[in-house]
Amino acid sequence: MLSVPCPWCGPRDETEFRYGGQAHVAYPDDPATLSDAEWAEYLFMHDNPKGWFAERWFHTAGCRRWFDVVRHTVTYAFEAPR
């Protein structure tokens, strides 16, 4: 089982969390002006590297906070929460 390091609650089982996708993706300034293709690009086209990757996680069964971590996509190792 994967152990996710919550910055407020400490390491917890992954079943307590929801994955929030790639970190540092800016929300569109004026979403009403985006075409369907632009929305699809924003929602679904994110990086998928092999190696270290910045992610968002939400601690649903604990502090109920969002946080960013860097996780290695091959080894599943986490760096310290940011």
PDB file of N, CA and C in Angstrom:
ATOM      1  N   MET A   1       0.842  -1.174   0.000  1.00  0.00           N
ATOM      2  CA  MET A   1       0.000   0.000   0.000  1.00  0.00           C
ATOM      3  C   MET A   1       0.890   1.242   0.000  1.00  0.00           C
ATOM      4  N   LEU A   2       0.454   2.260  -0.682  1.00  0.00           N
ATOM      5  CA  LEU A   2       1.188   3.520  -0.774  1.00  0.00           C
ATOM      6  C   LEU A   2       0.950   4.344   0.485  1.00  0.00           C
ATOM      7  N   SER A   3       2.020   4.933   1.018  1.00  0.00           N
ATOM      8  CA  SER A   3       1.926   5.799   2.189  1.00  0.00           C
ATOM      9  C   SER A   3       2.145   7.234   1.733  1.00  0.00           C
ATOM     10  N   VAL A   4       1.110   8.066   1.871  1.00  0.00           N
ATOM     11  CA  VAL A   4       1.161   9.452   1.415  1.00  0.00           C
ATOM     12  C   VAL A   4       1.522  10.350   2.599  1.00  0.00           C
ATOM     13  N   PRO A   5       2.540  11.219   2.445  1.00  0.00           N
ATOM     14  CA  PRO A   5       2.970  12.075   3.559  1.00  0.00           C
ATOM     15  C   PRO A   5       2.152  13.363   3.651  1.00  0.00           C
ATOM     16  N   CYS A   6       1.139  13.386   4.484  1.00  0.00           N
ATOM     17  CA  CYS A   6       0.351  14.598   4.697  1.00  0.00           C
ATOM     18  C   CYS A   6       1.184  15.574   5.541  1.00  0.00           C
ATOM     19  N   PRO A   7       1.304  16.843   5.111  1.00  0.00           N
ATOM     20  CA  PRO A   7       2.120  17.784   5.886  1.00  0.00           C
ATOM     21  C   PRO A   7       1.537  18.119   7.260  1.00  0.00           C
ATOM     22  N   TRP A   8       0.238  17.879   7.468  1.00  0.00           N
ATOM     23  CA  TRP A   8      -0.397  18.208   8.748  1.00  0.00           C
ATOM     24  C   TRP A   8      -0.619  16.976   9.624  1.00  0.00           C
ATOM     25  N   CYS A   9      -0.907  15.830   9.019  1.00  0.00           N
ATOM     26  CA  CYS A   9      -1.233  14.621   9.788  1.00  0.00           C
ATOM     27  C   CYS A   9      -0.131  13.575   9.792  1.00  0.00           C
ATOM     28  N   GLY A  10       0.884  13.752   8.963  1.00  0.00           N
ATOM     29  CA  GLY A  10       1.941  12.765   8.852  1.00  0.00           C
ATOM     30  C   GLY A  10       1.594  11.703   7.821  1.00  0.00           C
ATOM     31  N   PRO A  11       2.440  10.701   7.672  1.00  0.00           N
ATOM     32  CA  PRO A  11       2.202   9.642   6.679  1.00  0.00           C
ATOM     33  C   PRO A  11       0.932   8.859   6.998  1.00  0.00           C
ATOM     34  N   ARG A  12       0.117   8.672   5.966  1.00  0.00           N
ATOM     35  CA  ARG A  12      -1.132   7.919   6.111  1.00  0.00           C
ATOM     36  C   ARG A  12      -1.320   7.025   4.885  1.00  0.00           C
ATOM     37  N   ASP A  13      -2.173   6.038   5.024  1.00  0.00           N
ATOM     38  CA  ASP A  13      -2.492   5.117   3.950  1.00  0.00           C
ATOM     39  C   ASP A  13      -3.162   5.865   2.796  1.00  0.00           C
ATOM     40  N   GLU A  14      -2.866   5.467   1.568  1.00  0.00           N
ATOM     41  CA  GLU A  14      -3.394   6.160   0.397  1.00  0.00           C
ATOM     42  C   GLU A  14      -4.926   6.139   0.314  1.00  0.00           C
ATOM     43  N   THR A  15      -5.581   5.204   0.985  1.00  0.00           N
ATOM     44  CA  THR A  15      -7.041   5.143   0.938  1.00  0.00           C
ATOM     45  C   THR A  15      -7.689   6.346   1.618  1.00  0.00           C
ATOM     46  N   GLU A  16      -6.908   7.114   2.399  1.00  0.00           N
ATOM     47  CA  GLU A  16      -7.425   8.308   3.063  1.00  0.00           C
ATOM     48  C   GLU A  16      -7.393   9.539   2.161  1.00  0.00           C
ATOM     49  N   PHE A  17      -6.876   9.409   0.945  1.00  0.00           N
ATOM     50  CA  PHE A  17      -6.634  10.555   0.080  1.00  0.00           C
ATOM     51  C   PHE A  17      -7.356  10.448  -1.256  1.00  0.00           C
ATOM     52  N   ARG A  18      -7.483  11.594  -1.908  1.00  0.00           N
ATOM     53  CA  ARG A  18      -7.939  11.679  -3.293  1.00  0.00           C
ATOM     54  C   ARG A  18      -6.825  12.351  -4.086  1.00  0.00           C
ATOM     55  N   TYR A  19      -6.516  11.768  -5.225  1.00  0.00           N
ATOM     56  CA  TYR A  19      -5.500  12.317  -6.104  1.00  0.00           C
ATOM     57  C   TYR A  19      -6.092  13.501  -6.857  1.00  0.00           C
ATOM     58  N   GLY A  20      -5.365  14.605  -6.907  1.00  0.00           N
ATOM     59  CA  GLY A  20      -5.870  15.815  -7.549  1.00  0.00           C
ATOM     60  C   GLY A  20      -5.211  16.166  -8.860  1.00  0.00           C
ATOM     61  N   GLY A  21      -4.336  15.301  -9.364  1.00  0.00           N
ATOM     62  CA  GLY A  21      -3.714  15.552 -10.651  1.00  0.00           C
ATOM     63  C   GLY A  21      -2.422  16.338 -10.541  1.00  0.00           C
ATOM     64  N   GLN A  22      -2.006  16.843 -11.679  1.00  0.00           N
ATOM     65  CA  GLN A  22      -0.752  17.589 -11.772  1.00  0.00           C
ATOM     66  C   GLN A  22      -0.852  18.896 -11.000  1.00  0.00           C
ATOM     67  N   ALA A  23       0.183  19.201 -10.235  1.00  0.00           N
ATOM     68  CA  ALA A  23       0.228  20.460  -9.485  1.00  0.00           C
ATOM     69  C   ALA A  23       0.648  21.604 -10.406  1.00  0.00           C
ATOM     70  N   HIS A  24       0.337  22.804  -9.990  1.00  0.00           N
ATOM     71  CA  HIS A  24       0.764  24.030 -10.659  1.00  0.00           C
ATOM     72  C   HIS A  24       0.148  24.214 -12.043  1.00  0.00           C
ATOM     73  N   VAL A  25      -1.077  23.738 -12.251  1.00  0.00           N
ATOM     74  CA  VAL A  25      -1.801  23.974 -13.495  1.00  0.00           C
ATOM     75  C   VAL A  25      -2.757  25.128 -13.223  1.00  0.00           C
ATOM     76  N   ALA A  26      -2.547  26.234 -13.883  1.00  0.00           N
ATOM     77  CA  ALA A  26      -3.346  27.438 -13.634  1.00  0.00           C
ATOM     78  C   ALA A  26      -4.744  27.311 -14.230  1.00  0.00           C
ATOM     79  N   TYR A  27      -5.752  27.716 -13.434  1.00  0.00           N
ATOM     80  CA  TYR A  27      -7.126  27.743 -13.916  1.00  0.00           C
ATOM     81  C   TYR A  27      -7.253  28.849 -14.963  1.00  0.00           C
ATOM     82  N   PRO A  28      -8.008  28.640 -16.037  1.00  0.00           N
ATOM     83  CA  PRO A  28      -8.137  29.666 -17.070  1.00  0.00           C
ATOM     84  C   PRO A  28      -8.689  30.981 -16.510  1.00  0.00           C
ATOM     85  N   ASP A  29      -8.167  32.100 -17.005  1.00  0.00           N
ATOM     86  CA  ASP A  29      -8.613  33.426 -16.549  1.00  0.00           C
ATOM     87  C   ASP A  29     -10.085  33.667 -16.833  1.00  0.00           C
ATOM     88  N   ASP A  30     -10.546  33.307 -18.026  1.00  0.00           N
ATOM     89  CA  ASP A  30     -11.947  33.514 -18.408  1.00  0.00           C
ATOM     90  C   ASP A  30     -12.481  32.219 -19.024  1.00  0.00           C
ATOM     91  N   PRO A  31     -12.914  31.285 -18.185  1.00  0.00           N
ATOM     92  CA  PRO A  31     -13.322  29.975 -18.700  1.00  0.00           C
ATOM     93  C   PRO A  31     -14.491  30.025 -19.675  1.00  0.00           C
ATOM     94  N   ALA A  32     -15.336  31.048 -19.589  1.00  0.00           N
ATOM     95  CA  ALA A  32     -16.492  31.149 -20.474  1.00  0.00           C
ATOM     96  C   ALA A  32     -16.082  31.358 -21.934  1.00  0.00           C
ATOM     97  N   THR A  33     -14.876  31.827 -22.162  1.00  0.00           N
ATOM     98  CA  THR A  33     -14.430  32.090 -23.531  1.00  0.00           C
ATOM     99  C   THR A  33     -13.710  30.909 -24.168  1.00  0.00           C
ATOM    100  N   LEU A  34     -13.493  29.833 -23.438  1.00  0.00           N
ATOM    101  CA  LEU A  34     -12.771  28.684 -23.982  1.00  0.00           C
ATOM    102  C   LEU A  34     -13.652  27.841 -24.894  1.00  0.00           C
ATOM    103  N   SER A  35     -13.053  27.366 -25.965  1.00  0.00           N
ATOM    104  CA  SER A  35     -13.758  26.435 -26.845  1.00  0.00           C
ATOM    105  C   SER A  35     -13.749  25.046 -26.205  1.00  0.00           C
ATOM    106  N   ASP A  36     -14.512  24.132 -26.774  1.00  0.00           N
ATOM    107  CA  ASP A  36     -14.512  22.758 -26.262  1.00  0.00           C
ATOM    108  C   ASP A  36     -13.120  22.136 -26.354  1.00  0.00           C
ATOM    109  N   ALA A  37     -12.412  22.409 -27.423  1.00  0.00           N
ATOM    110  CA  ALA A  37     -11.060  21.876 -27.596  1.00  0.00           C
ATOM    111  C   ALA A  37     -10.117  22.451 -26.538  1.00  0.00           C
ATOM    112  N   GLU A  38     -10.250  23.734 -26.226  1.00  0.00           N
ATOM    113  CA  GLU A  38      -9.412  24.355 -25.194  1.00  0.00           C
ATOM    114  C   GLU A  38      -9.730  23.800 -23.812  1.00  0.00           C
ATOM    115  N   TRP A  39     -11.034  23.536 -23.524  1.00  0.00           N
ATOM    116  CA  TRP A  39     -11.409  22.916 -22.252  1.00  0.00           C
ATOM    117  C   TRP A  39     -10.814  21.514 -22.149  1.00  0.00           C
ATOM    118  N   ALA A  40     -10.908  20.760 -23.239  1.00  0.00           N
ATOM    119  CA  ALA A  40     -10.352  19.411 -23.251  1.00  0.00           C
ATOM    120  C   ALA A  40      -8.845  19.459 -22.988  1.00  0.00           C
ATOM    121  N   GLU A  41      -8.161  20.421 -23.592  1.00  0.00           N
ATOM    122  CA  GLU A  41      -6.722  20.585 -23.366  1.00  0.00           C
ATOM    123  C   GLU A  41      -6.444  20.868 -21.894  1.00  0.00           C
ATOM    124  N   TYR A  42      -7.205  21.776 -21.288  1.00  0.00           N
ATOM    125  CA  TYR A  42      -7.024  22.123 -19.874  1.00  0.00           C
ATOM    126  C   TYR A  42      -7.313  20.933 -18.957  1.00  0.00           C
ATOM    127  N   LEU A  43      -8.394  20.215 -19.217  1.00  0.00           N
ATOM    128  CA  LEU A  43      -8.828  19.136 -18.324  1.00  0.00           C
ATOM    129  C   LEU A  43      -8.021  17.850 -18.448  1.00  0.00           C
ATOM    130  N   PHE A  44      -7.655  17.496 -19.672  1.00  0.00           N
ATOM    131  CA  PHE A  44      -7.133  16.151 -19.888  1.00  0.00           C
ATOM    132  C   PHE A  44      -5.683  16.062 -20.349  1.00  0.00           C
ATOM    133  N   MET A  45      -5.136  17.118 -20.895  1.00  0.00           N
ATOM    134  CA  MET A  45      -3.785  17.039 -21.453  1.00  0.00           C
ATOM    135  C   MET A  45      -2.758  17.575 -20.466  1.00  0.00           C
ATOM    136  N   HIS A  46      -2.258  16.678 -19.620  1.00  0.00           N
ATOM    137  CA  HIS A  46      -1.250  17.037 -18.631  1.00  0.00           C
ATOM    138  C   HIS A  46      -0.004  16.193 -18.856  1.00  0.00           C
ATOM    139  N   ASP A  47       1.063  16.596 -18.221  1.00  0.00           N
ATOM    140  CA  ASP A  47       2.313  15.853 -18.345  1.00  0.00           C
ATOM    141  C   ASP A  47       2.150  14.446 -17.774  1.00  0.00           C
ATOM    142  N   ASN A  48       2.897  13.522 -18.326  1.00  0.00           N
ATOM    143  CA  ASN A  48       2.902  12.139 -17.840  1.00  0.00           C
ATOM    144  C   ASN A  48       4.336  11.616 -17.897  1.00  0.00           C
ATOM    145  N   PRO A  49       5.227  12.210 -17.084  1.00  0.00           N
ATOM    146  CA  PRO A  49       6.633  11.839 -17.178  1.00  0.00           C
ATOM    147  C   PRO A  49       6.962  10.541 -16.450  1.00  0.00           C
ATOM    148  N   LYS A  50       8.093   9.996 -16.805  1.00  0.00           N
ATOM    149  CA  LYS A  50       8.659   8.884 -16.044  1.00  0.00           C
ATOM    150  C   LYS A  50       9.721   9.524 -15.156  1.00  0.00           C
ATOM    151  N   GLY A  51       9.469   9.586 -13.861  1.00  0.00           N
ATOM    152  CA  GLY A  51      10.394  10.241 -12.942  1.00  0.00           C
ATOM    153  C   GLY A  51       9.642  11.117 -11.951  1.00  0.00           C
ATOM    154  N   TRP A  52      10.293  12.146 -11.450  1.00  0.00           N
ATOM    155  CA  TRP A  52       9.706  13.021 -10.428  1.00  0.00           C
ATOM    156  C   TRP A  52       8.628  13.901 -11.039  1.00  0.00           C
ATOM    157  N   PHE A  53       7.510  14.044 -10.295  1.00  0.00           N
ATOM    158  CA  PHE A  53       6.333  14.734 -10.821  1.00  0.00           C
ATOM    159  C   PHE A  53       5.603  15.429  -9.678  1.00  0.00           C
ATOM    160  N   ALA A  54       5.279  16.711  -9.844  1.00  0.00           N
ATOM    161  CA  ALA A  54       4.550  17.475  -8.820  1.00  0.00           C
ATOM    162  C   ALA A  54       3.059  17.172  -8.925  1.00  0.00           C
ATOM    163  N   GLU A  55       2.454  16.794  -7.785  1.00  0.00           N
ATOM    164  CA  GLU A  55       1.044  16.386  -7.749  1.00  0.00           C
ATOM    165  C   GLU A  55       0.283  17.102  -6.643  1.00  0.00           C
ATOM    166  N   ARG A  56      -1.042  17.118  -6.781  1.00  0.00           N
ATOM    167  CA  ARG A  56      -1.941  17.630  -5.747  1.00  0.00           C
ATOM    168  C   ARG A  56      -2.636  16.429  -5.110  1.00  0.00           C
ATOM    169  N   TRP A  57      -2.784  16.461  -3.785  1.00  0.00           N
ATOM    170  CA  TRP A  57      -3.499  15.428  -3.048  1.00  0.00           C
ATOM    171  C   TRP A  57      -4.437  16.104  -2.046  1.00  0.00           C
ATOM    172  N   PHE A  58      -5.578  15.456  -1.771  1.00  0.00           N
ATOM    173  CA  PHE A  58      -6.549  15.945  -0.804  1.00  0.00           C
ATOM    174  C   PHE A  58      -6.745  14.884   0.265  1.00  0.00           C
ATOM    175  N   HIS A  59      -6.578  15.273   1.530  1.00  0.00           N
ATOM    176  CA  HIS A  59      -6.702  14.321   2.639  1.00  0.00           C
ATOM    177  C   HIS A  59      -8.172  14.251   3.070  1.00  0.00           C
ATOM    178  N   THR A  60      -8.922  13.376   2.436  1.00  0.00           N
ATOM    179  CA  THR A  60     -10.363  13.272   2.667  1.00  0.00           C
ATOM    180  C   THR A  60     -10.718  12.718   4.043  1.00  0.00           C
ATOM    181  N   ALA A  61      -9.905  11.793   4.555  1.00  0.00           N
ATOM    182  CA  ALA A  61     -10.231  11.138   5.829  1.00  0.00           C
ATOM    183  C   ALA A  61      -9.437  11.700   7.003  1.00  0.00           C
ATOM    184  N   GLY A  62      -8.850  12.855   6.811  1.00  0.00           N
ATOM    185  CA  GLY A  62      -8.038  13.454   7.881  1.00  0.00           C
ATOM    186  C   GLY A  62      -8.324  14.936   8.003  1.00  0.00           C
ATOM    187  N   CYS A  63      -7.311  15.744   7.719  1.00  0.00           N
ATOM    188  CA  CYS A  63      -7.403  17.196   7.919  1.00  0.00           C
ATOM    189  C   CYS A  63      -8.238  17.905   6.854  1.00  0.00           C
ATOM    190  N   ARG A  64      -8.602  17.202   5.778  1.00  0.00           N
ATOM    191  CA  ARG A  64      -9.421  17.736   4.682  1.00  0.00           C
ATOM    192  C   ARG A  64      -8.755  18.946   4.014  1.00  0.00           C
ATOM    193  N   ARG A  65      -7.457  18.859   3.813  1.00  0.00           N
ATOM    194  CA  ARG A  65      -6.705  19.929   3.164  1.00  0.00           C
ATOM    195  C   ARG A  65      -6.045  19.426   1.877  1.00  0.00           C
ATOM    196  N   TRP A  66      -5.896  20.355   0.927  1.00  0.00           N
ATOM    197  CA  TRP A  66      -5.128  20.098  -0.287  1.00  0.00           C
ATOM    198  C   TRP A  66      -3.669  20.394  -0.020  1.00  0.00           C
ATOM    199  N   PHE A  67      -2.768  19.648  -0.650  1.00  0.00           N
ATOM    200  CA  PHE A  67      -1.341  19.919  -0.548  1.00  0.00           C
ATOM    201  C   PHE A  67      -0.631  19.380  -1.787  1.00  0.00           C
ATOM    202  N   ASP A  68       0.557  19.912  -2.038  1.00  0.00           N
ATOM    203  CA  ASP A  68       1.387  19.484  -3.162  1.00  0.00           C
ATOM    204  C   ASP A  68       2.503  18.585  -2.654  1.00  0.00           C
ATOM    205  N   VAL A  69       2.812  17.560  -3.422  1.00  0.00           N
ATOM    206  CA  VAL A  69       3.966  16.709  -3.147  1.00  0.00           C
ATOM    207  C   VAL A  69       4.656  16.412  -4.475  1.00  0.00           C
ATOM    208  N   VAL A  70       5.887  15.954  -4.389  1.00  0.00           N
ATOM    209  CA  VAL A  70       6.608  15.487  -5.568  1.00  0.00           C
ATOM    210  C   VAL A  70       6.796  13.987  -5.390  1.00  0.00           C
ATOM    211  N   ARG A  71       6.308  13.227  -6.387  1.00  0.00           N
ATOM    212  CA  ARG A  71       6.340  11.759  -6.313  1.00  0.00           C
ATOM    213  C   ARG A  71       7.051  11.211  -7.541  1.00  0.00           C
ATOM    214  N   HIS A  72       7.809  10.177  -7.351  1.00  0.00           N
ATOM    215  CA  HIS A  72       8.472   9.508  -8.471  1.00  0.00           C
ATOM    216  C   HIS A  72       7.466   8.535  -9.077  1.00  0.00           C
ATOM    217  N   THR A  73       7.182   8.677 -10.363  1.00  0.00           N
ATOM    218  CA  THR A  73       6.124   7.889 -10.989  1.00  0.00           C
ATOM    219  C   THR A  73       6.506   6.435 -11.258  1.00  0.00           C
ATOM    220  N   VAL A  74       7.775   6.094 -11.096  1.00  0.00           N
ATOM    221  CA  VAL A  74       8.201   4.708 -11.281  1.00  0.00           C
ATOM    222  C   VAL A  74       8.324   3.994  -9.952  1.00  0.00           C
ATOM    223  N   THR A  75       8.971   4.627  -8.977  1.00  0.00           N
ATOM    224  CA  THR A  75       9.208   3.996  -7.668  1.00  0.00           C
ATOM    225  C   THR A  75       8.123   4.325  -6.644  1.00  0.00           C
ATOM    226  N   TYR A  76       7.309   5.320  -6.923  1.00  0.00           N
ATOM    227  CA  TYR A  76       6.258   5.823  -6.025  1.00  0.00           C
ATOM    228  C   TYR A  76       6.805   6.487  -4.762  1.00  0.00           C
ATOM    229  N   ALA A  77       8.088   6.772  -4.733  1.00  0.00           N
ATOM    230  CA  ALA A  77       8.697   7.467  -3.583  1.00  0.00           C
ATOM    231  C   ALA A  77       8.243   8.918  -3.568  1.00  0.00           C
ATOM    232  N   PHE A  78       8.009   9.452  -2.368  1.00  0.00           N
ATOM    233  CA  PHE A  78       7.610  10.841  -2.212  1.00  0.00           C
ATOM    234  C   PHE A  78       8.767  11.688  -1.689  1.00  0.00           C
ATOM    235  N   GLU A  79       8.846  12.932  -2.153  1.00  0.00           N
ATOM    236  CA  GLU A  79       9.714  13.928  -1.522  1.00  0.00           C
ATOM    237  C   GLU A  79       8.895  14.579  -0.432  1.00  0.00           C
ATOM    238  N   ALA A  80       9.512  15.432   0.342  1.00  0.00           N
ATOM    239  CA  ALA A  80       8.809  16.145   1.415  1.00  0.00           C
ATOM    240  C   ALA A  80       7.676  16.990   0.838  1.00  0.00           C
ATOM    241  N   PRO A  81       6.524  17.053   1.521  1.00  0.00           N
ATOM    242  CA  PRO A  81       5.419  17.906   1.072  1.00  0.00           C
ATOM    243  C   PRO A  81       5.834  19.356   0.969  1.00  0.00           C
ATOM    244  N   ARG A  82       5.204  20.054   0.028  1.00  0.00           N
ATOM    245  CA  ARG A  82       5.514  21.477  -0.191  1.00  0.00           C
ATOM    246  C   ARG A  82       4.327  22.339   0.111  1.00  0.00           C
TER     247      ARG A  82
END
